[in-house]
């Protein structure tokens, strides 16, 4: 999210450097700013109407910034995720003059309905991700928090697994992200898998580990799976659906 809008919404950022940011041995992907809004109970409609009013004002002023707003489908409370891509860190130095006239709308129509808001930065990892342009409106996001002892092993396994699958002619399904900032409860990585609709989730596919076993044998599968599990402190997942009315994808 652009710095200007963060100021308009009055967000308090919780930023600390992640201990598992890898040394760069592959081309850098773009950054994504991810802001999680927990909405006050019973205030979802007012929050959405506030965002729509701000969006209308911003676009009327000629604003060009684009974003996706995702609603979490499971878990406690009502949670929205605002995600926007940035080519690099220098984007954070820029200001968006187009949104200044809409400041009061944010202060009066959005902020009162937000219980908490946190912002973090992630980086896309193209070398181990699906190469197709992302366009799904329904996604499953799996998060991985690494342990201090073996956390470094996780990406070793992911890269080897995707190499095995690629050699076997199998597609890479997910879009991987490395968290560049994080608080004590943040994950270190997450992977996004897109779906056309909920019905597509019913389509049975072999698991990643089954595909590794088929391609390289049970011994390799067991070794990689044990190494992967030894690196993880915790893992969890949610499904998110994009709210198109309060998103802005530009002309794409």
Protein backbone atom coordinates (compact mmCIF):
# COMPACT_ATOMS: atom_id res chain seq x y z
CA UNK A 1 0.00 0.00 0.00
CA UNK A 2 1.34 3.43 -0.82
CA UNK A 3 2.63 5.51 2.06
CA UNK A 4 0.07 8.23 1.37
CA UNK A 5 -2.90 5.95 1.92
CA UNK A 6 -1.32 4.50 5.05
CA UNK A 7 -1.21 8.02 6.44
CA UNK A 8 -4.79 8.68 5.39
CA UNK A 9 -6.04 5.61 7.19
CA UNK A 10 -3.94 6.34 10.26
CA UNK A 11 -2.36 2.87 10.35
CA UNK A 12 0.25 1.88 12.89
CA UNK A 13 2.83 -0.34 11.20
CA UNK A 14 4.39 -3.24 13.06
CA UNK A 15 7.67 -3.81 11.23
CA UNK A 16 10.68 -5.87 12.27
CA UNK A 17 13.21 -7.64 10.07
CA UNK A 18 12.56 -11.36 9.59
CA UNK A 19 15.44 -13.66 10.66
CA UNK A 20 14.96 -15.92 7.64
CA UNK A 21 15.30 -13.53 4.70
CA UNK A 22 17.54 -15.50 2.35
CA UNK A 23 20.65 -14.20 0.64
CA UNK A 24 19.68 -13.29 -2.90
CA UNK A 25 20.72 -16.06 -5.29
CA UNK A 26 17.91 -15.56 -7.81
CA UNK A 27 16.31 -12.63 -9.68
CA UNK A 28 14.34 -10.37 -7.37
CA UNK A 29 10.59 -10.38 -7.73
CA UNK A 30 8.35 -7.38 -7.02
CA UNK A 31 7.33 -6.45 -3.49
CA UNK A 32 3.79 -6.65 -2.17
CA UNK A 33 2.50 -4.46 0.63
CA UNK A 34 -0.09 -6.41 2.64
CA UNK A 35 -2.36 -4.69 5.19
CA UNK A 36 -4.67 -6.78 7.37
CA UNK A 37 -7.79 -5.06 8.70
CA UNK A 38 -9.78 -6.68 11.50
CA UNK A 39 -13.22 -5.11 11.38
CA UNK A 40 -15.22 -4.27 14.50
CA UNK A 41 -18.14 -6.69 15.05
CA UNK A 42 -21.21 -5.50 13.16
CA UNK A 43 -19.28 -2.85 11.20
CA UNK A 44 -18.55 -4.73 7.96
CA UNK A 45 -21.14 -2.90 5.86
CA UNK A 46 -20.00 0.50 7.12
CA UNK A 47 -16.35 -0.39 6.41
CA UNK A 48 -17.14 -1.45 2.86
CA UNK A 49 -19.23 1.66 2.21
CA UNK A 50 -16.38 3.79 3.51
CA UNK A 51 -13.87 2.13 1.18
CA UNK A 52 -16.27 2.55 -1.77
CA UNK A 53 -16.68 6.25 -0.98
CA UNK A 54 -12.91 6.72 -0.73
CA UNK A 55 -12.37 4.78 -3.97
CA UNK A 56 -14.94 6.91 -5.82
CA UNK A 57 -13.28 10.09 -4.59
CA UNK A 58 -9.78 8.84 -5.44
CA UNK A 59 -10.67 7.76 -8.95
CA UNK A 60 -12.60 10.98 -9.57
CA UNK A 61 -9.39 12.85 -8.71
CA UNK A 62 -7.53 10.81 -11.34
CA UNK A 63 -5.81 8.39 -8.98
CA UNK A 64 -3.91 5.58 -10.70
CA UNK A 65 -2.89 3.40 -7.76
CA UNK A 66 -4.23 -0.17 -7.98
CA UNK A 67 -5.02 -2.65 -5.22
CA UNK A 68 -6.86 -5.87 -4.38
CA UNK A 69 -9.05 -6.19 -1.31
CA UNK A 70 -9.53 -9.77 -0.11
CA UNK A 71 -12.05 -10.98 2.47
CA UNK A 72 -10.94 -13.91 4.61
CA UNK A 73 -13.52 -16.68 4.48
CA UNK A 74 -12.63 -18.57 7.68
CA UNK A 75 -11.22 -17.87 11.12
CA UNK A 76 -12.18 -15.58 13.97
CA UNK A 77 -13.82 -12.25 13.20
CA UNK A 78 -14.11 -10.38 9.92
CA UNK A 79 -10.77 -9.76 8.25
CA UNK A 80 -9.92 -7.95 5.01
CA UNK A 81 -6.53 -7.95 3.31
CA UNK A 82 -5.43 -5.00 1.20
CA UNK A 83 -2.65 -6.03 -1.20
CA UNK A 84 -0.77 -3.90 -3.69
CA UNK A 85 2.37 -4.56 -5.73
CA UNK A 86 5.47 -2.37 -5.76
CA UNK A 87 8.42 -2.80 -8.16
CA UNK A 88 10.95 -1.98 -5.44
CA UNK A 89 11.49 -0.31 -2.05
CA UNK A 90 11.95 3.09 -3.72
CA UNK A 91 8.19 3.11 -4.37
CA UNK A 92 7.76 3.82 -0.64
CA UNK A 93 9.45 7.21 -1.12
CA UNK A 94 6.78 8.40 -3.54
CA UNK A 95 3.66 10.33 -2.56
CA UNK A 96 0.28 10.20 -4.25
CA UNK A 97 -1.11 13.72 -4.44
CA UNK A 98 -4.36 12.45 -5.96
CA UNK A 99 -5.65 11.11 -2.65
CA UNK A 100 -5.23 14.19 -0.48
CA UNK A 101 -8.72 15.55 -1.13
CA UNK A 102 -10.19 12.26 0.12
CA UNK A 103 -8.48 12.30 3.52
CA UNK A 104 -11.58 13.17 5.54
CA UNK A 105 -13.49 10.31 3.97
CA UNK A 106 -10.89 7.87 5.24
CA UNK A 107 -10.81 9.43 8.70
CA UNK A 108 -14.60 9.60 9.08
CA UNK A 109 -15.91 6.64 7.08
CA UNK A 110 -13.21 3.95 7.33
CA UNK A 111 -11.12 4.31 10.48
CA UNK A 112 -14.04 4.16 12.97
CA UNK A 113 -14.95 0.67 11.78
CA UNK A 114 -11.45 -0.86 12.01
CA UNK A 115 -10.51 -2.68 15.19
CA UNK A 116 -6.86 -3.34 14.26
CA UNK A 117 -4.67 -2.86 11.21
CA UNK A 118 -1.17 -4.22 10.56
CA UNK A 119 1.03 -3.83 7.51
CA UNK A 120 3.89 -5.96 6.20
CA UNK A 121 6.00 -6.28 3.07
CA UNK A 122 6.53 -9.52 1.16
CA UNK A 123 8.59 -10.32 -1.95
CA UNK A 124 7.51 -12.55 -4.80
CA UNK A 125 9.83 -15.50 -5.55
CA UNK A 126 9.60 -16.07 -9.34
CA UNK A 127 12.18 -18.86 -9.48
CA UNK A 128 9.90 -21.33 -7.64
CA UNK A 129 6.49 -19.93 -8.62
CA UNK A 130 3.85 -20.37 -11.26
CA UNK A 131 4.90 -18.37 -14.34
CA UNK A 132 1.35 -17.50 -15.45
CA UNK A 133 0.00 -14.04 -14.74
CA UNK A 134 -1.99 -14.07 -11.51
CA UNK A 135 -5.68 -13.44 -12.00
CA UNK A 136 -7.69 -15.55 -9.55
CA UNK A 137 -10.53 -14.14 -7.48
CA UNK A 138 -10.47 -17.03 -5.00
CA UNK A 139 -7.25 -18.14 -3.32
CA UNK A 140 -5.95 -20.52 -0.70
CA UNK A 141 -2.98 -19.10 1.21
CA UNK A 142 -0.73 -21.39 3.24
CA UNK A 143 1.60 -19.75 5.77
CA UNK A 144 4.86 -21.14 7.16
CA UNK A 145 6.61 -19.98 10.32
CA UNK A 146 10.12 -21.47 10.58
CA UNK A 147 11.94 -22.66 13.65
CA UNK A 148 15.28 -21.25 14.73
CA UNK A 149 17.22 -24.50 14.36
CA UNK A 150 16.32 -25.86 10.92
CA UNK A 151 14.34 -23.04 9.33
CA UNK A 152 16.92 -22.53 6.59
CA UNK A 153 16.16 -26.01 5.26
CA UNK A 154 12.65 -25.18 4.11
CA UNK A 155 13.57 -23.33 0.93
CA UNK A 156 16.19 -25.94 0.12
CA UNK A 157 13.42 -28.53 0.08
CA UNK A 158 10.95 -26.35 -1.84
CA UNK A 159 13.51 -25.67 -4.57
CA UNK A 160 14.45 -29.35 -4.84
CA UNK A 161 10.82 -30.45 -4.90
CA UNK A 162 9.90 -27.98 -7.64
CA UNK A 163 12.99 -29.07 -9.59
CA UNK A 164 11.83 -32.69 -9.40
CA UNK A 165 8.31 -31.76 -10.48
CA UNK A 166 9.62 -29.62 -13.34
CA UNK A 167 11.83 -32.46 -14.59
CA UNK A 168 8.76 -34.72 -14.52
CA UNK A 169 6.85 -32.25 -16.68
CA UNK A 170 4.53 -31.18 -13.87
CA UNK A 171 3.39 -27.56 -13.50
CA UNK A 172 4.24 -25.35 -10.54
CA UNK A 173 0.91 -24.60 -8.88
CA UNK A 174 1.61 -21.85 -6.38
CA UNK A 175 2.97 -18.33 -6.08
CA UNK A 176 5.59 -18.12 -3.31
CA UNK A 177 6.36 -15.03 -1.19
CA UNK A 178 9.16 -14.30 1.28
CA UNK A 179 8.19 -12.00 4.15
CA UNK A 180 10.56 -9.02 4.29
CA UNK A 181 9.11 -7.65 7.54
CA UNK A 182 7.33 -9.32 10.40
CA UNK A 183 6.23 -9.13 14.01
CA UNK A 184 6.79 -12.04 16.45
CA UNK A 185 3.70 -13.87 15.17
CA UNK A 186 4.32 -13.39 11.45
CA UNK A 187 5.14 -16.23 9.05
CA UNK A 188 8.37 -16.31 7.09
CA UNK A 189 6.85 -17.52 3.81
CA UNK A 190 3.46 -18.04 2.25
CA UNK A 191 2.26 -19.66 -0.95
CA UNK A 192 -0.86 -18.69 -2.88
CA UNK A 193 -2.92 -21.10 -4.98
CA UNK A 194 -5.66 -19.65 -7.16
CA UNK A 195 -9.05 -21.11 -8.12
CA UNK A 196 -11.76 -20.12 -10.58
CA UNK A 197 -14.44 -20.91 -8.01
CA UNK A 198 -15.14 -23.15 -5.02
CA UNK A 199 -16.14 -26.03 -7.30
CA UNK A 200 -12.57 -26.19 -8.62
CA UNK A 201 -11.45 -27.07 -5.10
CA UNK A 202 -13.38 -30.34 -5.42
CA UNK A 203 -11.15 -31.48 -8.29
CA UNK A 204 -8.87 -34.18 -6.90
CA UNK A 205 -5.14 -33.77 -7.62
CA UNK A 206 -2.12 -35.70 -6.45
CA UNK A 207 -0.38 -34.08 -3.50
CA UNK A 208 3.05 -32.55 -3.97
CA UNK A 209 4.60 -35.39 -1.94
CA UNK A 210 2.84 -38.04 -4.05
CA UNK A 211 4.24 -36.44 -7.21
CA UNK A 212 7.75 -36.48 -5.72
CA UNK A 213 7.39 -40.16 -4.83
CA UNK A 214 6.15 -40.99 -8.33
CA UNK A 215 9.03 -39.11 -9.94
CA UNK A 216 11.95 -39.94 -7.61
CA UNK A 217 10.88 -42.79 -5.36
CA UNK A 218 9.69 -43.23 -1.80
CA UNK A 219 13.15 -42.83 -0.23
CA UNK A 220 13.60 -39.36 -1.74
CA UNK A 221 10.07 -38.40 -0.75
CA UNK A 222 10.56 -39.49 2.87
CA UNK A 223 13.92 -37.69 3.17
CA UNK A 224 12.61 -34.42 1.74
CA UNK A 225 9.39 -34.58 3.73
CA UNK A 226 11.29 -35.16 7.00
CA UNK A 227 13.67 -32.29 6.21
CA UNK A 228 10.75 -29.99 5.41
CA UNK A 229 8.87 -30.85 8.59
CA UNK A 230 11.99 -30.32 10.70
CA UNK A 231 12.16 -26.72 9.48
CA UNK A 232 8.61 -25.72 10.45
CA UNK A 233 7.51 -24.25 13.78
CA UNK A 234 3.89 -23.85 12.66
CA UNK A 235 1.79 -23.70 9.52
CA UNK A 236 -1.79 -22.59 8.81
CA UNK A 237 -3.99 -21.66 5.88
CA UNK A 238 -7.03 -19.57 4.96
CA UNK A 239 -9.21 -19.06 1.91
CA UNK A 240 -9.71 -15.51 0.66
CA UNK A 241 -12.19 -14.11 -1.87
CA UNK A 242 -11.53 -10.86 -3.70
CA UNK A 243 -14.12 -8.13 -3.12
CA UNK A 244 -14.21 -6.51 -6.54
CA UNK A 245 -16.36 -3.56 -5.47
CA UNK A 246 -13.68 -2.26 -3.11
CA UNK A 247 -10.70 -3.29 -5.23
CA UNK A 248 -9.17 -1.35 -8.11
CA UNK A 249 -7.30 -3.30 -10.79
CA UNK A 250 -6.82 -0.43 -13.21
CA UNK A 251 -7.25 -1.16 -16.90
CA UNK A 252 -6.02 -4.77 -16.69
